[in-house]
Amino acid sequence: MPFENVIHPAFSPHSRPSKYPVAGAGTATVHDVLRGRLSRLLVGGPLESCIPTDAGGITATDVTVPTAGSGFYYLVRGRNACGTGTYGATSAGAPRISNVCP
């Protein structure tokens, strides 16, 4: 099942289907949603939070409102019987690593 929404009360939901669906991955795919501050564009930094998803693992609701003049970034990775995905890579090709989400 593809990830469907990151919902923030101040903005419309952002949808992102799975880019690489895997046959045989089953229906137990869940998603980890990592939130960080735009002022600290550093994955693995001290100001990150893991936004919980619903029971189906397809919607995450973030109720935290950024302070005036600031904002958040969100990174999403999938987990299923095949393993855990990544948060992508930096422009230098190094993996983005965070231990905030399980």
Protein backbone atom coordinates (compact mmCIF):
# COMPACT_ATOMS: atom_id res chain seq x y z
CA MET A 1 0.00 0.00 0.00
CA PRO A 2 1.47 3.40 -0.91
CA PHE A 3 1.97 6.14 1.64
CA GLU A 4 -0.87 8.60 1.21
CA ASN A 5 -0.66 11.71 3.35
CA VAL A 6 1.34 13.93 5.66
CA ILE A 7 -1.32 16.17 7.18
CA HIS A 8 -0.62 19.48 8.85
CA PRO A 9 -3.56 21.56 10.10
CA ALA A 10 -2.19 24.76 8.54
CA PHE A 11 -1.58 23.25 5.09
CA SER A 12 -3.23 20.87 2.68
CA PRO A 13 -2.16 17.20 2.81
CA HIS A 14 0.88 16.16 0.79
CA SER A 15 0.55 12.85 -1.05
CA ARG A 16 3.38 10.66 -2.24
CA PRO A 17 2.77 7.20 -3.70
CA SER A 18 5.43 4.51 -3.40
CA LYS A 19 8.02 5.17 -6.10
CA TYR A 20 9.20 1.58 -6.32
CA PRO A 21 6.40 -0.82 -5.37
CA VAL A 22 7.77 -4.30 -4.80
CA ALA A 23 5.80 -7.39 -5.79
CA GLY A 24 5.44 -9.75 -2.84
CA ALA A 25 6.11 -7.08 -0.21
CA GLY A 26 2.70 -7.78 1.24
CA THR A 27 0.18 -5.44 2.75
CA ALA A 28 2.18 -4.86 5.93
CA THR A 29 4.11 -1.91 4.53
CA VAL A 30 4.30 0.96 7.03
CA HIS A 31 6.04 4.29 6.74
CA ASP A 32 8.34 6.26 9.01
CA VAL A 33 7.83 10.02 8.75
CA LEU A 34 10.76 12.10 9.93
CA ARG A 35 10.28 15.82 10.61
CA GLY A 36 13.13 18.29 10.96
CA ARG A 37 13.50 22.05 11.10
CA LEU A 38 14.35 23.89 7.90
CA SER A 39 16.86 25.96 9.85
CA ARG A 40 18.79 22.73 10.52
CA LEU A 41 18.76 20.89 7.20
CA LEU A 42 20.73 18.08 8.76
CA VAL A 43 19.27 14.59 8.89
CA GLY A 44 20.41 12.94 12.10
CA GLY A 45 20.44 16.22 14.01
CA PRO A 46 19.07 16.91 17.49
CA LEU A 47 15.86 18.68 16.43
CA GLU A 48 14.15 15.81 14.59
CA SER A 49 10.87 14.12 15.46
CA CYS A 50 9.18 10.94 14.30
CA ILE A 51 5.58 11.65 13.31
CA PRO A 52 3.37 8.64 14.08
CA THR A 53 1.29 7.14 11.29
CA ASP A 54 -2.22 5.79 11.62
CA ALA A 55 -2.86 2.09 12.22
CA GLY A 56 -2.69 1.39 8.49
CA GLY A 57 0.62 3.19 8.16
CA ILE A 58 -0.66 5.41 5.36
CA THR A 59 -1.41 8.76 7.02
CA ALA A 60 0.69 10.84 9.41
CA THR A 61 -0.73 13.89 11.15
CA ASP A 62 1.60 16.59 12.42
CA VAL A 63 -0.13 18.99 14.80
CA THR A 64 2.98 21.03 15.62
CA VAL A 65 2.88 24.52 14.16
CA PRO A 66 6.23 26.06 13.22
CA THR A 67 7.06 29.43 14.72
CA ALA A 68 6.78 32.52 12.52
CA GLY A 69 9.54 32.64 9.92
CA SER A 70 10.43 28.95 10.26
CA GLY A 71 9.25 25.67 8.79
CA PHE A 72 9.64 21.91 8.69
CA TYR A 73 10.90 19.34 6.22
CA TYR A 74 9.58 15.79 6.04
CA LEU A 75 11.31 12.63 4.87
CA VAL A 76 9.46 9.34 4.46
CA ARG A 77 10.77 5.77 4.25
CA GLY A 78 8.92 2.49 3.98
CA ARG A 79 9.27 -0.72 6.00
CA ASN A 80 7.87 -4.13 5.16
CA ALA A 81 8.80 -7.83 5.08
CA CYS A 82 11.56 -7.06 2.57
CA GLY A 83 13.31 -4.65 4.94
CA THR A 84 13.57 -0.96 5.80
CA GLY A 85 13.98 1.69 3.14
CA THR A 86 16.16 4.76 3.39
CA TYR A 87 15.65 8.49 3.73
CA GLY A 88 17.63 8.92 0.52
CA ALA A 89 21.12 10.31 0.08
CA THR A 90 22.88 13.64 0.36
CA SER A 91 24.10 15.48 -2.72
CA ALA A 92 27.49 13.82 -2.08
CA GLY A 93 25.86 10.37 -2.21
CA ALA A 94 26.12 9.60 1.52
CA PRO A 95 23.02 7.95 3.04
CA ARG A 96 20.78 10.11 5.20
CA ILE A 97 20.69 8.38 8.60
CA SER A 98 18.48 9.14 11.58
CA ASN A 99 17.68 7.04 14.65
CA VAL A 100 14.58 9.05 15.62
CA CYS A 101 12.06 6.69 13.99
CA PRO A 102 12.16 3.00 14.96
